[in-house]
N, C-alpha and C. Protein backbone atom coordinates (compact mmCIF):
# COMPACT_ATOMS: atom_id res chain seq x y z
N MET A 1 -37.05 -21.49 4.33
CA MET A 1 -36.72 -20.34 3.52
C MET A 1 -36.55 -19.81 3.84
N TYR A 2 -34.74 -19.39 3.00
CA TYR A 2 -34.20 -17.85 3.31
C TYR A 2 -34.95 -16.41 2.95
N ASP A 3 -34.61 -15.67 3.61
CA ASP A 3 -35.38 -14.52 4.37
C ASP A 3 -34.47 -13.82 4.05
N ARG A 4 -34.31 -12.65 2.68
CA ARG A 4 -34.02 -11.74 2.73
C ARG A 4 -33.71 -10.29 3.28
N TYR A 5 -34.33 -10.13 3.75
CA TYR A 5 -35.10 -9.17 5.12
C TYR A 5 -34.37 -9.42 6.76
N LYS A 6 -34.67 -11.11 6.79
CA LYS A 6 -34.13 -11.27 7.72
C LYS A 6 -32.43 -11.13 8.25
N GLN A 7 -31.03 -11.15 6.65
CA GLN A 7 -30.04 -11.81 7.14
C GLN A 7 -29.92 -10.30 5.55
N PRO A 8 -28.41 -9.70 6.94
CA PRO A 8 -27.96 -8.84 6.33
C PRO A 8 -26.88 -8.88 5.01
N SER A 9 -27.76 -8.45 4.11
CA SER A 9 -26.27 -8.58 2.58
C SER A 9 -24.91 -8.16 3.42
N LEU A 10 -24.52 -8.15 2.43
CA LEU A 10 -23.06 -8.37 2.31
C LEU A 10 -22.37 -7.18 2.06
N PHE A 11 -23.26 -6.07 1.16
CA PHE A 11 -22.93 -4.94 0.66
C PHE A 11 -23.80 -3.93 2.12
N VAL A 12 -24.79 -4.38 2.95
CA VAL A 12 -25.05 -3.49 4.10
C VAL A 12 -23.82 -3.48 5.23
N SER A 13 -23.41 -4.93 4.94
CA SER A 13 -22.31 -5.11 6.48
C SER A 13 -21.05 -4.58 6.18
N VAL A 14 -20.50 -4.07 4.53
CA VAL A 14 -19.54 -3.61 4.53
C VAL A 14 -19.65 -2.32 4.80
N MET A 15 -20.03 -1.82 4.23
CA MET A 15 -20.64 -0.39 4.52
C MET A 15 -21.27 -0.13 5.55
N ALA A 16 -21.84 -1.25 6.99
CA ALA A 16 -21.90 0.20 7.94
C ALA A 16 -20.48 -0.45 9.07
N ILE A 17 -19.74 -1.32 8.56
CA ILE A 17 -18.21 -1.69 9.04
C ILE A 17 -17.71 -0.39 8.22
N LEU A 18 -17.36 -0.24 7.69
CA LEU A 18 -17.08 1.68 6.88
C LEU A 18 -17.50 2.93 7.32
N PHE A 19 -18.39 2.92 7.57
CA PHE A 19 -18.94 3.62 8.06
C PHE A 19 -19.15 3.73 9.54
N PHE A 20 -18.94 2.80 10.49
CA PHE A 20 -18.28 2.65 12.08
C PHE A 20 -17.05 3.20 12.25
N ILE A 21 -16.16 2.63 11.02
CA ILE A 21 -14.94 3.05 11.77
C ILE A 21 -14.24 5.13 10.61
N LEU A 22 -14.62 5.07 9.65
CA LEU A 22 -15.12 6.99 9.87
C LEU A 22 -15.67 8.05 10.27
N LEU A 23 -16.67 7.44 10.40
CA LEU A 23 -17.59 8.81 10.96
C LEU A 23 -17.98 8.38 13.01
N THR A 24 -17.97 7.10 13.36
CA THR A 24 -17.74 7.22 14.73
C THR A 24 -16.48 8.23 15.91
N PRO A 25 -17.38 8.99 16.93
CA PRO A 25 -16.59 9.42 17.51
C PRO A 25 -14.64 8.68 17.69
N GLY A 26 -14.01 8.70 17.96
CA GLY A 26 -13.17 8.66 18.72
C GLY A 26 -12.45 7.69 18.49
N CYS A 27 -12.83 7.92 16.86
CA CYS A 27 -12.17 6.75 16.14
C CYS A 27 -10.80 6.80 15.80
N SER A 28 -10.51 7.73 15.76
CA SER A 28 -8.76 8.36 16.12
C SER A 28 -8.25 7.70 16.72
N THR A 29 -8.78 7.39 17.53
CA THR A 29 -7.44 7.26 19.18
C THR A 29 -7.49 5.53 18.54
N ARG A 30 -8.08 4.78 17.84
CA ARG A 30 -7.90 3.70 17.98
C ARG A 30 -7.69 3.22 16.79
N HIS A 31 -7.23 3.95 16.05
CA HIS A 31 -6.92 2.76 14.21
C HIS A 31 -5.09 3.82 14.50
N LEU A 32 -4.58 4.23 14.85
CA LEU A 32 -3.70 5.54 15.15
C LEU A 32 -2.63 3.92 15.29
N GLN A 33 -2.02 3.87 14.18
CA GLN A 33 -0.19 2.83 13.78
C GLN A 33 0.99 3.42 14.48
N SER A 34 0.98 2.23 13.68
CA SER A 34 2.65 2.53 16.03
C SER A 34 2.95 3.59 14.13
N MET A 35 3.99 4.47 15.72
CA MET A 35 4.28 5.79 15.05
C MET A 35 5.35 5.06 13.94
N ASN A 36 6.11 4.19 14.48
CA ASN A 36 7.50 4.33 13.80
C ASN A 36 7.30 3.32 11.78
N THR A 37 6.12 2.92 12.16
CA THR A 37 6.14 2.61 10.85
C THR A 37 5.81 3.09 9.87
N LEU A 38 4.46 4.64 10.92
CA LEU A 38 3.77 5.42 9.90
C LEU A 38 5.22 6.84 9.63
N SER A 39 5.82 7.07 10.64
CA SER A 39 7.52 7.74 9.53
C SER A 39 8.06 7.23 8.90
N ILE A 40 8.26 5.44 9.22
CA ILE A 40 9.08 4.79 7.60
C ILE A 40 8.13 5.28 6.28
N GLN A 41 7.15 5.30 6.67
CA GLN A 41 6.29 5.62 5.82
C GLN A 41 5.53 6.59 5.01
N VAL A 42 5.74 7.54 5.79
CA VAL A 42 6.29 9.09 4.93
C VAL A 42 7.79 9.06 4.40
N ASP A 43 9.04 8.98 5.06
CA ASP A 43 9.94 9.47 4.50
C ASP A 43 10.00 8.82 3.28
N GLU A 44 9.01 7.01 2.30
CA GLU A 44 9.38 6.94 1.32
C GLU A 44 8.23 8.44 0.75
N THR A 45 7.67 8.68 0.76
CA THR A 45 6.98 8.71 0.15
C THR A 45 7.15 9.82 -0.36
N LEU A 46 7.73 10.54 0.71
CA LEU A 46 8.82 11.78 0.24
C LEU A 46 9.54 12.16 -0.65
N GLU A 47 10.52 10.51 -0.53
CA GLU A 47 11.09 10.33 -1.40
C GLU A 47 10.88 9.91 -2.42
N SER A 48 9.94 9.42 -2.68
CA SER A 48 8.51 9.05 -3.73
C SER A 48 8.49 10.29 -4.74
N PHE A 49 7.81 11.14 -3.36
CA PHE A 49 7.28 12.72 -3.99
C PHE A 49 8.75 13.48 -4.81
N GLU A 50 10.14 13.22 -4.48
CA GLU A 50 10.76 14.54 -4.76
C GLU A 50 11.46 13.07 -6.17
N ARG A 51 11.42 11.57 -6.71
CA ARG A 51 11.78 11.47 -7.87
C ARG A 51 10.36 11.60 -9.19
N THR A 52 9.37 11.66 -8.46
CA THR A 52 8.61 11.76 -8.87
C THR A 52 8.24 12.89 -10.13
N ILE A 53 8.12 14.78 -8.88
CA ILE A 53 8.08 15.94 -9.03
C ILE A 53 9.80 16.19 -9.31
N ILE A 54 10.04 16.56 -10.52
CA ILE A 54 10.27 17.72 -11.21
C ILE A 54 10.75 19.17 -10.32
N GLY A 55 11.70 18.96 -9.48
CA GLY A 55 11.87 20.10 -8.31
C GLY A 55 11.40 20.21 -7.49
N GLY A 56 11.06 18.96 -7.36
CA GLY A 56 9.79 18.15 -5.30
C GLY A 56 10.69 18.81 -4.48
N ASP A 57 12.03 18.54 -4.88
CA ASP A 57 12.64 18.91 -3.37
C ASP A 57 13.26 20.23 -2.96
N THR A 58 13.29 21.56 -4.11
CA THR A 58 13.32 22.40 -3.71
C THR A 58 12.54 22.66 -3.28
N PHE A 59 11.29 22.38 -3.78
CA PHE A 59 9.21 22.83 -3.37
C PHE A 59 9.50 22.58 -2.65
N LEU A 60 9.41 21.36 -1.54
CA LEU A 60 9.15 21.86 -0.52
C LEU A 60 9.79 21.56 0.92
N GLU A 61 11.19 22.67 0.48
CA GLU A 61 12.01 23.25 0.99
C GLU A 61 11.69 24.28 1.46
N LYS A 62 10.60 24.64 0.67
CA LYS A 62 10.17 26.67 0.46
C LYS A 62 8.49 26.48 1.29
N SER A 63 8.61 24.75 1.09
CA SER A 63 7.39 25.13 2.13
C SER A 63 7.69 25.41 4.10
N GLU A 64 6.17 25.55 4.60
CA GLU A 64 6.02 25.81 5.55
C GLU A 64 5.65 24.83 6.69
N GLY A 65 4.85 23.26 5.80
CA GLY A 65 5.05 22.58 6.36
C GLY A 65 4.29 21.68 5.38
N VAL A 66 4.75 20.31 5.90
CA VAL A 66 4.35 18.90 4.54
C VAL A 66 2.81 18.01 5.12
N LEU A 67 1.91 17.85 4.78
CA LEU A 67 1.44 16.83 5.69
C LEU A 67 0.99 15.55 5.06
N VAL A 68 1.44 14.27 5.20
CA VAL A 68 2.03 13.22 4.48
C VAL A 68 0.61 11.93 5.46
N PHE A 69 -0.21 11.22 3.93
CA PHE A 69 -0.89 9.63 4.25
C PHE A 69 -0.04 9.20 3.38
N PRO A 70 0.19 8.68 3.62
CA PRO A 70 1.23 7.24 2.86
C PRO A 70 -0.20 6.53 2.15
N SER A 71 -0.56 6.40 2.52
CA SER A 71 -1.71 5.16 2.05
C SER A 71 -2.80 5.92 2.24
N VAL A 72 -3.77 5.72 1.71
CA VAL A 72 -5.28 6.03 1.34
C VAL A 72 -5.59 5.59 1.12
N ILE A 73 -6.90 4.62 1.55
CA ILE A 73 -7.85 3.71 0.72
C ILE A 73 -8.60 3.71 0.86
N LYS A 74 -9.49 4.14 0.06
CA LYS A 74 -11.02 4.24 -1.37
C LYS A 74 -12.06 2.79 -1.26
N ALA A 75 -12.99 2.83 -0.93
CA ALA A 75 -13.22 1.46 -1.52
C ALA A 75 -15.37 2.37 -1.05
N GLY A 76 -16.07 0.97 -1.87
CA GLY A 76 -16.81 1.45 -2.03
C GLY A 76 -17.59 0.89 -3.29
N VAL A 77 -19.49 0.78 -2.77
CA VAL A 77 -20.16 -0.32 -3.77
C VAL A 77 -21.72 0.78 -4.07
N GLY A 78 -21.19 2.00 -4.70
CA GLY A 78 -22.68 3.01 -4.52
C GLY A 78 -22.01 3.56 -3.53
N PHE A 79 -22.49 3.13 -2.12
CA PHE A 79 -21.02 4.44 -1.19
C PHE A 79 -20.09 3.68 -1.28
N GLY A 80 -18.81 4.79 -0.65
CA GLY A 80 -17.84 4.11 0.04
C GLY A 80 -17.25 5.44 0.63
N GLY A 81 -16.75 5.03 1.11
CA GLY A 81 -15.72 5.58 1.92
C GLY A 81 -14.04 5.47 1.50
N GLU A 82 -13.54 6.48 2.73
CA GLU A 82 -12.04 6.58 2.34
C GLU A 82 -11.20 7.08 4.19
N TYR A 83 -10.10 6.93 3.86
CA TYR A 83 -9.54 6.23 5.50
C TYR A 83 -8.44 6.08 4.92
N GLY A 84 -7.26 7.53 5.61
CA GLY A 84 -6.08 7.64 5.57
C GLY A 84 -4.84 8.14 6.80
N GLU A 85 -4.06 8.29 7.68
CA GLU A 85 -3.22 8.04 8.62
C GLU A 85 -2.10 8.61 8.57
N GLY A 86 -1.58 9.48 8.74
CA GLY A 86 -0.14 10.80 8.39
C GLY A 86 0.00 11.27 9.53
N ILE A 87 1.52 11.93 8.94
CA ILE A 87 2.69 12.68 9.67
C ILE A 87 2.01 14.14 9.38
N LEU A 88 2.07 15.50 10.46
CA LEU A 88 2.31 16.93 9.78
C LEU A 88 3.47 17.13 9.98
N ARG A 89 4.52 17.68 8.95
CA ARG A 89 6.40 17.42 9.33
C ARG A 89 6.16 19.53 9.13
N VAL A 90 7.04 20.50 10.33
CA VAL A 90 7.36 20.88 9.78
C VAL A 90 8.77 21.28 10.38
N GLU A 91 9.40 22.44 9.67
CA GLU A 91 10.54 22.06 9.72
C GLU A 91 11.68 20.64 9.63
N GLY A 92 11.29 19.82 8.82
CA GLY A 92 11.38 19.06 8.22
C GLY A 92 10.89 18.02 10.15
N ARG A 93 10.67 18.16 11.21
CA ARG A 93 10.55 17.41 12.08
C ARG A 93 8.33 17.29 12.68
N THR A 94 8.67 15.72 12.87
CA THR A 94 6.83 15.43 12.97
C THR A 94 7.18 16.59 14.22
N ALA A 95 5.60 17.49 13.59
CA ALA A 95 4.15 18.27 14.68
C ALA A 95 3.43 17.69 15.03
N ASP A 96 2.72 16.36 14.79
CA ASP A 96 1.65 15.90 14.58
C ASP A 96 0.93 14.49 13.98
N TYR A 97 0.17 14.26 14.11
CA TYR A 97 -0.31 12.70 13.92
C TYR A 97 -1.53 13.37 13.56
N TYR A 98 -2.67 13.10 11.93
CA TYR A 98 -3.64 13.64 11.61
C TYR A 98 -3.92 12.20 11.14
N SER A 99 -4.89 12.35 11.08
CA SER A 99 -6.04 10.96 9.92
C SER A 99 -6.95 11.67 8.65
N THR A 100 -7.33 11.85 7.77
CA THR A 100 -8.50 11.73 6.99
C THR A 100 -9.26 10.96 5.87
N ALA A 101 -10.17 11.33 6.31
CA ALA A 101 -11.74 10.04 6.42
C ALA A 101 -12.43 11.84 4.96
N GLY A 102 -13.72 10.93 4.29
CA GLY A 102 -14.51 10.81 3.84
C GLY A 102 -15.86 10.35 2.65
N ALA A 103 -16.90 10.23 2.63
CA ALA A 103 -17.50 9.40 2.00
C ALA A 103 -18.04 9.87 0.88
N SER A 104 -18.41 8.88 -0.17
CA SER A 104 -19.21 9.56 -1.29
C SER A 104 -20.32 8.66 -1.81
N PHE A 105 -20.84 9.59 -2.62
CA PHE A 105 -22.14 8.67 -3.29
C PHE A 105 -21.54 8.74 -4.00
N GLY A 106 -23.03 7.36 -5.45
CA GLY A 106 -22.44 8.09 -6.63
C GLY A 106 -21.40 6.28 -7.22
N PHE A 107 -21.60 6.70 -8.89
CA PHE A 107 -20.95 5.37 -9.67
C PHE A 107 -20.02 4.96 -9.27
N GLN A 108 -19.02 3.76 -8.38
CA GLN A 108 -18.41 3.73 -7.82
C GLN A 108 -18.55 2.14 -7.48
N PHE A 109 -16.89 1.43 -7.94
CA PHE A 109 -17.58 0.21 -7.51
C PHE A 109 -15.14 -0.81 -6.63
N GLY A 110 -15.16 -1.27 -6.58
CA GLY A 110 -13.88 -1.25 -5.78
C GLY A 110 -13.18 -0.20 -5.47
N ALA A 111 -11.98 -0.82 -5.51
CA ALA A 111 -11.00 0.34 -3.66
C ALA A 111 -9.51 1.03 -4.59
N GLN A 112 -9.30 1.66 -4.36
CA GLN A 112 -8.03 2.03 -4.42
C GLN A 112 -7.27 2.54 -3.19
N ARG A 113 -5.78 2.70 -3.46
CA ARG A 113 -4.74 3.03 -3.15
C ARG A 113 -4.38 3.86 -3.04
N LYS A 114 -4.09 5.58 -2.62
CA LYS A 114 -3.24 6.76 -3.54
C LYS A 114 -2.39 6.99 -1.69
N SER A 115 -1.44 7.46 -2.11
CA SER A 115 -0.04 8.80 -1.51
C SER A 115 -0.88 9.77 -1.65
N ILE A 116 -0.79 10.72 -0.75
CA ILE A 116 -1.30 12.10 -1.18
C ILE A 116 -0.47 13.35 -0.12
N VAL A 117 0.14 13.90 -0.61
CA VAL A 117 1.01 15.54 -0.30
C VAL A 117 0.78 16.09 -0.04
N PHE A 118 0.32 16.89 0.67
CA PHE A 118 0.01 18.63 1.11
C PHE A 118 0.54 19.41 1.58
N VAL A 119 1.37 20.12 0.21
CA VAL A 119 2.13 20.91 0.71
C VAL A 119 1.81 22.60 0.86
N PHE A 120 1.99 23.40 2.82
CA PHE A 120 1.46 24.56 3.11
C PHE A 120 2.74 25.58 2.89
N LEU A 121 1.66 26.72 2.23
CA LEU A 121 2.66 27.94 1.49
C LEU A 121 2.65 28.62 2.09
N ASP A 122 2.01 29.31 2.82
CA ASP A 122 1.69 29.84 3.93
C ASP A 122 0.94 29.71 5.29
N LYS A 123 1.76 30.18 6.53
CA LYS A 123 2.60 30.14 7.43
C LYS A 123 1.07 30.29 8.04
N ALA A 124 0.21 31.49 7.69
CA ALA A 124 -1.54 31.31 8.52
C ALA A 124 -2.03 29.60 7.84
N ALA A 125 -2.15 29.55 6.54
CA ALA A 125 -2.59 28.85 6.56
C ALA A 125 -1.95 27.46 7.54
N LEU A 126 -1.25 26.98 7.22
CA LEU A 126 -0.48 25.56 8.49
C LEU A 126 -1.48 26.62 10.17
N TRP A 127 -1.28 27.31 10.53
CA TRP A 127 -1.52 27.84 11.55
C TRP A 127 -2.77 27.70 11.70
N SER A 128 -3.47 27.48 10.83
CA SER A 128 -5.42 27.51 11.04
C SER A 128 -5.37 26.55 10.90
N PHE A 129 -4.51 25.25 9.63
CA PHE A 129 -4.37 24.54 10.13
C PHE A 129 -4.26 22.92 11.94
N GLN A 130 -2.88 23.70 11.59
CA GLN A 130 -3.00 23.07 13.32
C GLN A 130 -3.77 23.47 14.45
N HIS A 131 -4.05 24.88 14.26
CA HIS A 131 -5.22 25.48 15.25
C HIS A 131 -6.83 24.90 15.48
N SER A 132 -7.04 24.59 14.13
CA SER A 132 -8.65 23.73 14.34
C SER A 132 -8.52 22.40 14.63
N ASP A 133 -10.17 22.24 15.11
CA ASP A 133 -10.41 20.96 15.60
C ASP A 133 -11.72 20.30 14.99
N GLY A 134 -10.68 19.22 13.88
CA GLY A 134 -11.31 18.98 12.56
C GLY A 134 -11.32 19.68 11.68
N TRP A 135 -10.39 19.96 10.41
CA TRP A 135 -10.09 20.86 9.24
C TRP A 135 -11.58 19.98 8.16
N LYS A 136 -11.60 20.67 7.60
CA LYS A 136 -12.20 20.01 6.63
C LYS A 136 -12.04 20.68 5.00
N ALA A 137 -12.19 19.98 4.04
CA ALA A 137 -11.68 20.29 2.93
C ALA A 137 -12.48 21.26 2.29
N GLY A 138 -11.78 22.78 1.09
CA GLY A 138 -13.52 23.70 0.46
C GLY A 138 -14.17 24.82 1.78
N VAL A 139 -13.94 24.22 2.92
CA VAL A 139 -14.85 24.77 3.47
C VAL A 139 -14.03 25.78 4.77
N ASP A 140 -13.33 24.59 5.54
CA ASP A 140 -11.75 25.83 6.19
C ASP A 140 -10.70 26.06 5.69
N GLY A 141 -10.30 25.76 4.12
CA GLY A 141 -8.72 25.94 3.81
C GLY A 141 -9.55 25.67 2.07
N SER A 142 -8.87 26.52 2.26
CA SER A 142 -8.48 26.63 0.37
C SER A 142 -7.16 25.27 -0.27
N ILE A 143 -7.33 24.75 -1.03
CA ILE A 143 -6.37 23.86 -1.58
C ILE A 143 -6.18 23.49 -2.57
N THR A 144 -5.49 23.96 -3.56
CA THR A 144 -5.05 23.70 -4.70
C THR A 144 -4.67 22.11 -5.44
N ILE A 145 -4.90 21.33 -5.44
CA ILE A 145 -5.08 20.38 -6.81
C ILE A 145 -4.07 20.21 -7.27
N ALA A 146 -2.54 19.84 -7.63
CA ALA A 146 -1.44 19.94 -8.44
C ALA A 146 -1.51 19.71 -9.70
N ASP A 147 -1.52 20.67 -10.67
CA ASP A 147 -1.90 20.03 -11.74
C ASP A 147 -1.19 20.39 -13.00
N TRP A 148 -0.27 19.25 -13.80
CA TRP A 148 0.98 20.99 -14.54
C TRP A 148 0.92 19.56 -15.85
N GLY A 149 1.67 19.76 -16.45
CA GLY A 149 2.92 18.38 -17.67
C GLY A 149 3.47 18.23 -16.74
N ILE A 150 3.81 17.08 -17.55
CA ILE A 150 4.37 16.09 -17.42
C ILE A 150 6.30 16.73 -17.86
N GLY A 151 7.40 16.66 -16.99
CA GLY A 151 8.60 17.40 -17.58
C GLY A 151 8.78 18.04 -17.20
N GLU A 152 7.66 18.67 -16.33
CA GLU A 152 7.72 20.31 -15.79
C GLU A 152 8.02 20.06 -14.61
N ASP A 153 9.17 21.74 -14.22
CA ASP A 153 9.42 22.30 -12.43
C ASP A 153 8.42 22.54 -12.61
N ILE A 154 7.83 22.04 -11.27
CA ILE A 154 6.67 22.52 -10.73
C ILE A 154 7.31 23.53 -9.96
N ASN A 155 8.59 24.25 -10.06
CA ASN A 155 8.98 25.45 -9.42
C ASN A 155 8.79 26.68 -9.89
N THR A 156 8.24 26.56 -11.42
CA THR A 156 8.30 27.02 -12.86
C THR A 156 6.90 27.39 -12.18
N ILE A 157 5.73 26.53 -11.88
CA ILE A 157 3.84 27.44 -12.06
C ILE A 157 4.42 28.10 -11.43
N GLU A 158 3.50 29.17 -11.35
CA GLU A 158 2.45 30.11 -10.67
C GLU A 158 1.53 29.18 -9.58
N ILE A 159 2.44 29.58 -8.73
CA ILE A 159 0.81 28.57 -7.10
C ILE A 159 0.25 30.01 -6.24
N HIS A 160 -1.11 30.02 -6.40
CA HIS A 160 -1.64 31.61 -5.69
C HIS A 160 -2.31 30.85 -4.82
N SER A 161 -1.98 29.08 -4.24
CA SER A 161 -3.47 29.26 -3.30
C SER A 161 -2.31 28.76 -1.65
N PRO A 162 -2.55 28.77 -0.94
CA PRO A 162 -2.07 28.20 0.62
C PRO A 162 -1.51 26.93 0.54
N VAL A 163 -2.17 25.88 0.32
CA VAL A 163 -1.78 24.61 0.30
C VAL A 163 -2.12 24.36 -1.20
N VAL A 164 -1.33 23.49 -1.66
CA VAL A 164 -1.02 22.67 -2.54
C VAL A 164 -1.12 21.34 -2.75
N ALA A 165 -2.16 20.07 -2.77
CA ALA A 165 -2.18 19.24 -2.99
C ALA A 165 -1.16 17.89 -4.55
N PHE A 166 -0.78 16.68 -3.38
CA PHE A 166 -0.81 16.36 -4.78
C PHE A 166 -0.84 13.92 -4.46
N ALA A 167 -1.46 13.85 -5.72
CA ALA A 167 -1.67 12.54 -5.28
C ALA A 167 -1.33 11.35 -5.86
N PHE A 168 -0.48 10.87 -5.66
CA PHE A 168 0.47 9.31 -6.40
C PHE A 168 -0.36 8.00 -5.98
N ASP A 169 0.28 6.81 -6.77
CA ASP A 169 0.52 5.87 -7.08
C ASP A 169 1.46 4.95 -5.78
N ASP A 170 2.10 3.75 -5.78
CA ASP A 170 2.93 2.80 -6.09
C ASP A 170 3.75 3.00 -7.42
N GLU A 171 3.30 3.86 -8.67
CA GLU A 171 4.12 3.51 -9.88
C GLU A 171 4.35 5.16 -9.90
N GLY A 172 3.95 6.40 -9.21
CA GLY A 172 4.62 7.65 -9.52
C GLY A 172 3.53 8.19 -9.94
N PHE A 173 2.45 7.27 -10.87
CA PHE A 173 1.16 8.24 -11.47
C PHE A 173 0.37 9.35 -10.31
N MET A 174 0.16 10.21 -11.24
CA MET A 174 -0.77 11.17 -10.73
C MET A 174 -2.49 10.55 -10.43
N TYR A 175 -2.55 11.87 -9.44
CA TYR A 175 -4.18 10.88 -9.79
C TYR A 175 -5.37 12.18 -9.83
N ASN A 176 -6.37 11.93 -9.83
CA ASN A 176 -7.24 13.20 -10.74
C ASN A 176 -8.26 13.13 -9.10
N LEU A 177 -7.16 13.88 -8.41
CA LEU A 177 -7.85 13.92 -7.33
C LEU A 177 -8.91 14.82 -6.05
N THR A 178 -9.68 14.39 -6.20
CA THR A 178 -11.58 15.43 -5.33
C THR A 178 -10.94 15.30 -3.62
N LEU A 179 -11.08 16.78 -3.17
CA LEU A 179 -11.08 17.18 -1.29
C LEU A 179 -11.85 17.46 -1.53
N GLU A 180 -13.07 17.94 -2.05
CA GLU A 180 -14.11 18.41 -1.07
C GLU A 180 -14.54 17.75 -0.20
N GLY A 181 -15.05 17.90 0.82
CA GLY A 181 -15.83 17.04 2.04
C GLY A 181 -14.91 16.68 2.52
N THR A 182 -13.99 16.22 1.99
CA THR A 182 -12.58 15.65 2.97
C THR A 182 -12.29 15.55 4.13
N LYS A 183 -12.34 15.59 5.96
CA LYS A 183 -11.79 15.45 6.49
C LYS A 183 -10.02 15.56 7.01
N PHE A 184 -10.51 16.42 8.39
CA PHE A 184 -8.62 16.40 8.70
C PHE A 184 -8.17 15.84 10.33
N THR A 185 -8.55 15.29 10.33
CA THR A 185 -8.50 15.16 12.40
C THR A 185 -7.32 15.01 13.24
N ARG A 186 -6.71 15.80 14.17
CA ARG A 186 -5.17 14.73 15.00
C ARG A 186 -5.63 13.65 15.29
N LEU A 187 -4.75 12.85 15.59
CA LEU A 187 -5.38 11.84 15.71
C LEU A 187 -4.60 11.70 17.56
N ARG A 188 -5.19 11.56 18.54
CA ARG A 188 -5.01 11.20 20.29
C ARG A 188 -4.38 10.04 20.09
N HIS A 189 -2.66 10.49 20.86
CA HIS A 189 -1.44 9.33 21.01
C HIS A 189 -0.90 9.52 21.72
């Protein structure tokens, strides 16, 4: 006779693995993608950003730094989590490698992939980010989620936040992004 209490359900198994990956100390060293592959993906994401966002190339040129996560995967069934790896570029050069991770609870089912680009418009915000030991959105820094009309040049928008986030998928569609509680950690390489 099948005893459901002795056999872990698929849901419990998947969630245990997901939370182990996201929340285990030191996981940042185990999951670092090939740096060359990640760099190529970041280049492609920035090219897509410049094609998708009117005035995106000029906007990036004015930045102090850009943190790019070419592929952030979010999955869940009730409980969920997301993870991605990216590169911080300052003056067009790779400054460091980071991971992003977050957990959520609520009505959710399935998985999705998105790219996220964080544009640092302020030297102090960039410095604070680079010198933190794990940076949490909404706690350690203020981030504005980009929101403007289709066809409008991003450079015509008055932005008061030191960091602006953009999220889009492979088709270039912008996401309704929530970052509250998302953690960013420097990867050891």
